[in-house]
Amino acid sequence: MNIALAGAASAALLLAFTTMASAEPARHRPRHHYDNDLAYRHPYATQRQLHNERAYQKGEYWEKDSNALIPGTRAWFEQKERESGDRR
């Protein structure tokens, strides 16, 4: 009886330790997974602004209007300089 109990306990421990070894360490797992990082960083942005920001980052066509860009982004600052005419 004692041999069967010791065998079952060792089998349970062996099973527990082998499944733990295959688990990925926490430092290698991503904390958050967001499909739309821009929308996460700029929750106040409209769909039009998000679309233009993605296009600007990819080097594609984007609307040359500061209202169509997310305030505070690089594209927005560049467009505000163009619109003000103070660019040197």
Protein backbone atom coordinates (compact mmCIF):
# COMPACT_ATOMS: atom_id res chain seq x y z
CA MET A 1 0.00 0.00 0.00
CA ASN A 2 2.80 2.39 0.91
CA ILE A 3 4.62 1.57 -2.33
CA ALA A 4 1.53 2.37 -4.40
CA LEU A 5 1.00 5.65 -2.53
CA ALA A 6 4.65 6.65 -2.96
CA GLY A 7 4.51 5.74 -6.66
CA ALA A 8 1.37 7.82 -7.21
CA ALA A 9 2.87 10.80 -5.36
CA SER A 10 6.10 10.62 -7.35
CA ALA A 11 4.16 10.34 -10.61
CA ALA A 12 2.10 13.39 -9.70
CA LEU A 13 5.20 15.39 -8.83
CA LEU A 14 6.96 14.27 -12.01
CA LEU A 15 3.97 15.32 -14.09
CA ALA A 16 3.75 18.70 -12.33
CA PHE A 17 7.44 19.50 -12.81
CA THR A 18 7.57 18.46 -16.46
CA THR A 19 4.63 20.70 -17.39
CA MET A 20 6.16 23.64 -15.52
CA ALA A 21 9.45 23.32 -17.39
CA SER A 22 7.78 23.80 -20.76
CA ALA A 23 5.98 26.96 -19.65
CA GLU A 24 7.41 30.16 -21.06
CA PRO A 25 9.04 32.52 -18.54
CA ALA A 26 7.09 35.68 -17.79
CA ARG A 27 9.80 38.01 -19.11
CA HIS A 28 9.47 36.51 -22.61
CA ARG A 29 5.68 36.74 -22.80
CA PRO A 30 4.21 39.95 -24.14
CA ARG A 31 2.32 41.89 -21.52
CA HIS A 32 -0.39 43.16 -23.81
CA HIS A 33 -1.37 42.31 -27.32
CA TYR A 34 -3.05 45.11 -29.18
CA ASP A 35 -3.94 44.76 -32.83
CA ASN A 36 -4.29 48.51 -33.16
CA ASP A 37 -1.48 50.20 -31.27
CA LEU A 38 -2.30 53.70 -32.57
CA ALA A 39 -5.87 53.45 -31.33
CA TYR A 40 -4.55 52.33 -27.94
CA ARG A 41 -2.06 55.21 -27.68
CA HIS A 42 -4.53 57.79 -29.02
CA PRO A 43 -8.01 56.78 -27.81
CA TYR A 44 -9.42 60.22 -28.66
CA ALA A 45 -8.44 60.00 -32.36
CA THR A 46 -11.09 59.57 -35.03
CA GLN A 47 -10.94 56.86 -37.68
CA ARG A 48 -9.95 59.50 -40.24
CA GLN A 49 -7.04 60.63 -38.07
CA LEU A 50 -5.87 57.06 -37.43
CA HIS A 51 -6.02 56.27 -41.14
CA ASN A 52 -3.96 59.34 -42.05
CA GLU A 53 -1.38 58.65 -39.33
CA ARG A 54 -0.89 55.06 -40.55
CA ALA A 55 -0.51 56.32 -44.12
CA TYR A 56 2.03 58.96 -43.02
CA GLN A 57 4.09 56.35 -41.17
CA LYS A 58 4.08 54.04 -44.20
CA GLY A 59 4.98 56.86 -46.60
CA GLU A 60 1.70 56.57 -48.46
CA TYR A 61 -0.78 59.29 -49.43
CA TRP A 62 -2.33 61.14 -46.48
CA GLU A 63 -4.57 64.19 -46.24
CA LYS A 64 -2.63 67.43 -45.96
CA ASP A 65 -4.96 68.91 -43.34
CA SER A 66 -4.03 69.35 -39.69
CA ASN A 67 -7.62 68.53 -38.66
CA ALA A 68 -7.23 65.13 -40.31
CA LEU A 69 -4.15 64.28 -38.21
CA ILE A 70 -3.77 63.24 -34.57
CA PRO A 71 -2.73 66.31 -32.52
CA GLY A 72 0.80 66.03 -31.16
CA THR A 73 2.13 63.57 -33.73
CA ARG A 74 5.06 64.33 -35.99
CA ALA A 75 2.83 64.57 -39.05
CA TRP A 76 0.58 67.04 -37.24
CA PHE A 77 3.50 69.30 -36.24
CA GLU A 78 4.91 69.26 -39.78
CA GLN A 79 1.50 70.11 -41.23
CA LYS A 80 0.98 72.96 -38.73
CA GLU A 81 4.34 74.42 -39.82
CA ARG A 82 3.25 74.23 -43.45
CA GLU A 83 -0.11 75.83 -42.72
CA SER A 84 1.33 78.68 -40.68
CA GLY A 85 3.86 79.69 -43.33
CA ASP A 86 6.56 80.37 -40.70
CA ARG A 87 8.80 77.61 -41.94
CA ARG A 88 12.34 78.82 -42.64
